[in-house]
C-alpha cells in the first residue's frame, strides 16, 4: 500500500483584481475570472485607451442569469502587461446598460 501525499485544495479566491497596462496606461482593479473563456472590455474603456482595430462580430453572450447580450465587436492582438509579463489577448467589446440613466 503506497502512501501518496494528498493534494492541497485551494480556497476560492473570490473576485481577485490586478493592475494591468495597455499602451502604457495603467488600469487598476481589473477583475480576473479564473474560469473565463473570454476577456471583456467596455466600449468606454476602448475609447479612453484610443485603441483601434475593432472587428464586427455576430457573437451573442449568454450570461449566468440566462439573459443575452449582443457584443459590439472584437478587438484582437491587444498586448497587456502584468508586472513584467506581456500577453497578447483578444477582447469582446460590450456597451453596458447603466441603471443611473443618461447623465451626460
C-alpha atoms as a PDB file:
ATOM      1  CA  UNK A   1       0.000   0.000   0.000  1.00  0.00           C
ATOM      2  CA  UNK A   2       1.570   3.255  -1.131  1.00  0.00           C
ATOM      3  CA  UNK A   3       1.015   6.472   0.698  1.00  0.00           C
ATOM      4  CA  UNK A   4       0.691   9.333  -1.727  1.00  0.00           C
ATOM      5  CA  UNK A   5       0.546  12.846  -0.357  1.00  0.00           C
ATOM      6  CA  UNK A   6      -2.913  14.425  -0.525  1.00  0.00           C
ATOM      7  CA  UNK A   7      -3.301  17.272  -2.971  1.00  0.00           C
ATOM      8  CA  UNK A   8      -3.927  20.657  -1.433  1.00  0.00           C
ATOM      9  CA  UNK A   9      -7.352  22.094  -2.155  1.00  0.00           C
ATOM     10  CA  UNK A  10      -7.137  25.823  -2.717  1.00  0.00           C
ATOM     11  CA  UNK A  11      -9.839  28.151  -1.471  1.00  0.00           C
ATOM     12  CA  UNK A  12     -11.943  30.086  -3.954  1.00  0.00           C
ATOM     13  CA  UNK A  13     -10.086  33.403  -4.429  1.00  0.00           C
ATOM     14  CA  UNK A  14     -13.400  35.263  -4.792  1.00  0.00           C
ATOM     15  CA  UNK A  15     -13.065  38.189  -7.169  1.00  0.00           C
ATOM     16  CA  UNK A  16      -9.336  38.856  -7.484  1.00  0.00           C
ATOM     17  CA  UNK A  17      -8.247  42.060  -9.163  1.00  0.00           C
ATOM     18  CA  UNK A  18      -4.902  43.143 -10.560  1.00  0.00           C
ATOM     19  CA  UNK A  19      -3.346  46.171 -12.209  1.00  0.00           C
ATOM     20  CA  UNK A  20      -2.536  45.845 -15.900  1.00  0.00           C
ATOM     21  CA  UNK A  21      -1.125  48.193 -18.512  1.00  0.00           C
ATOM     22  CA  UNK A  22      -2.437  48.641 -22.043  1.00  0.00           C
ATOM     23  CA  UNK A  23      -0.461  51.047 -24.244  1.00  0.00           C
ATOM     24  CA  UNK A  24       1.427  52.149 -21.114  1.00  0.00           C
ATOM     25  CA  UNK A  25      -1.827  53.257 -19.491  1.00  0.00           C
ATOM     26  CA  UNK A  26      -2.466  51.875 -16.016  1.00  0.00           C
ATOM     27  CA  UNK A  27      -5.762  50.078 -15.466  1.00  0.00           C
ATOM     28  CA  UNK A  28      -6.250  49.336 -11.790  1.00  0.00           C
ATOM     29  CA  UNK A  29      -8.629  46.794 -10.307  1.00  0.00           C
ATOM     30  CA  UNK A  30      -9.066  44.676 -13.426  1.00  0.00           C
ATOM     31  CA  UNK A  31     -11.201  41.719 -12.442  1.00  0.00           C
ATOM     32  CA  UNK A  32      -9.780  38.283 -13.137  1.00  0.00           C
ATOM     33  CA  UNK A  33     -12.193  35.435 -13.672  1.00  0.00           C
ATOM     34  CA  UNK A  34     -10.013  32.371 -13.445  1.00  0.00           C
ATOM     35  CA  UNK A  35     -12.514  30.269 -15.412  1.00  0.00           C
ATOM     36  CA  UNK A  36     -13.293  32.777 -18.154  1.00  0.00           C
ATOM     37  CA  UNK A  37     -13.067  31.792 -21.766  1.00  0.00           C
ATOM     38  CA  UNK A  38     -13.354  35.407 -22.976  1.00  0.00           C
ATOM     39  CA  UNK A  39     -11.985  38.793 -21.989  1.00  0.00           C
ATOM     40  CA  UNK A  40     -14.439  41.687 -21.811  1.00  0.00           C
ATOM     41  CA  UNK A  41     -13.780  45.409 -22.261  1.00  0.00           C
ATOM     42  CA  UNK A  42     -16.343  48.201 -22.217  1.00  0.00           C
ATOM     43  CA  UNK A  43     -16.762  50.477 -25.213  1.00  0.00           C
ATOM     44  CA  UNK A  44     -15.931  53.430 -22.950  1.00  0.00           C
ATOM     45  CA  UNK A  45     -12.574  51.940 -21.921  1.00  0.00           C
ATOM     46  CA  UNK A  46     -11.825  51.135 -25.573  1.00  0.00           C
ATOM     47  CA  UNK A  47     -12.425  54.800 -26.429  1.00  0.00           C
ATOM     48  CA  UNK A  48     -10.411  56.072 -23.436  1.00  0.00           C
ATOM     49  CA  UNK A  49      -7.413  53.929 -24.408  1.00  0.00           C
ATOM     50  CA  UNK A  50      -7.666  55.161 -28.027  1.00  0.00           C
ATOM     51  CA  UNK A  51      -7.407  51.622 -29.332  1.00  0.00           C
ATOM     52  CA  UNK A  52      -8.068  50.709 -32.956  1.00  0.00           C
ATOM     53  CA  UNK A  53      -8.929  47.625 -34.945  1.00  0.00           C
ATOM     54  CA  UNK A  54     -12.483  46.736 -33.975  1.00  0.00           C
ATOM     55  CA  UNK A  55     -13.906  43.830 -35.940  1.00  0.00           C
ATOM     56  CA  UNK A  56     -17.629  43.215 -36.281  1.00  0.00           C
ATOM     57  CA  UNK A  57     -18.828  40.006 -34.697  1.00  0.00           C
ATOM     58  CA  UNK A  58     -22.259  38.381 -34.607  1.00  0.00           C
ATOM     59  CA  UNK A  59     -21.498  36.963 -31.150  1.00  0.00           C
ATOM     60  CA  UNK A  60     -24.240  36.891 -28.530  1.00  0.00           C
ATOM     61  CA  UNK A  61     -23.224  36.082 -24.961  1.00  0.00           C
ATOM     62  CA  UNK A  62     -25.461  34.139 -22.634  1.00  0.00           C
ATOM     63  CA  UNK A  63     -24.980  35.349 -19.083  1.00  0.00           C
ATOM     64  CA  UNK A  64     -25.307  33.377 -15.880  1.00  0.00           C
ATOM     65  CA  UNK A  65     -28.903  34.567 -15.390  1.00  0.00           C
ATOM     66  CA  UNK A  66     -29.721  33.237 -18.889  1.00  0.00           C
ATOM     67  CA  UNK A  67     -30.089  36.751 -20.341  1.00  0.00           C
ATOM     68  CA  UNK A  68     -28.410  37.509 -23.666  1.00  0.00           C
ATOM     69  CA  UNK A  69     -26.075  40.368 -24.583  1.00  0.00           C
ATOM     70  CA  UNK A  70     -25.110  41.232 -28.137  1.00  0.00           C
ATOM     71  CA  UNK A  71     -21.466  42.240 -28.370  1.00  0.00           C
ATOM     72  CA  UNK A  72     -20.374  45.396 -30.174  1.00  0.00           C
ATOM     73  CA  UNK A  73     -17.217  43.934 -31.713  1.00  0.00           C
ATOM     74  CA  UNK A  74     -13.986  42.095 -31.007  1.00  0.00           C
ATOM     75  CA  UNK A  75     -10.534  43.520 -30.558  1.00  0.00           C
ATOM     76  CA  UNK A  76      -7.665  41.174 -31.354  1.00  0.00           C
ATOM     77  CA  UNK A  77      -3.961  41.083 -30.516  1.00  0.00           C
ATOM     78  CA  UNK A  78      -4.003  43.647 -27.719  1.00  0.00           C
ATOM     79  CA  UNK A  79      -0.840  43.466 -25.642  1.00  0.00           C
ATOM     80  CA  UNK A  80      -1.382  43.763 -21.909  1.00  0.00           C
ATOM     81  CA  UNK A  81       1.397  43.944 -19.356  1.00  0.00           C
ATOM     82  CA  UNK A  82       1.113  42.361 -15.922  1.00  0.00           C
ATOM     83  CA  UNK A  83       4.210  43.023 -13.816  1.00  0.00           C
ATOM     84  CA  UNK A  84       6.961  42.360 -16.367  1.00  0.00           C
ATOM     85  CA  UNK A  85       4.973  39.786 -18.371  1.00  0.00           C
ATOM     86  CA  UNK A  86       3.399  40.703 -21.714  1.00  0.00           C
ATOM     87  CA  UNK A  87       0.428  38.874 -23.190  1.00  0.00           C
ATOM     88  CA  UNK A  88      -1.413  39.252 -26.474  1.00  0.00           C
ATOM     89  CA  UNK A  89      -5.109  38.733 -25.923  1.00  0.00           C
ATOM     90  CA  UNK A  90      -8.492  39.262 -27.556  1.00  0.00           C
ATOM     91  CA  UNK A  91     -11.326  41.283 -26.056  1.00  0.00           C
ATOM     92  CA  UNK A  92     -15.050  41.263 -26.677  1.00  0.00           C
ATOM     93  CA  UNK A  93     -16.343  44.842 -26.578  1.00  0.00           C
ATOM     94  CA  UNK A  94     -19.603  45.479 -24.709  1.00  0.00           C
ATOM     95  CA  UNK A  95     -21.652  48.595 -24.055  1.00  0.00           C
ATOM     96  CA  UNK A  96     -23.147  48.001 -20.607  1.00  0.00           C
ATOM     97  CA  UNK A  97     -26.530  49.377 -19.675  1.00  0.00           C
ATOM     98  CA  UNK A  98     -26.494  51.956 -16.921  1.00  0.00           C
ATOM     99  CA  UNK A  99     -29.011  51.884 -14.100  1.00  0.00           C
ATOM    100  CA  UNK A 100     -28.291  55.568 -13.491  1.00  0.00           C
ATOM    101  CA  UNK A 101     -29.744  56.762 -16.764  1.00  0.00           C
ATOM    102  CA  UNK A 102     -28.009  59.102 -19.166  1.00  0.00           C
ATOM    103  CA  UNK A 103     -26.095  61.597 -17.021  1.00  0.00           C
ATOM    104  CA  UNK A 104     -24.394  63.457 -19.861  1.00  0.00           C
END
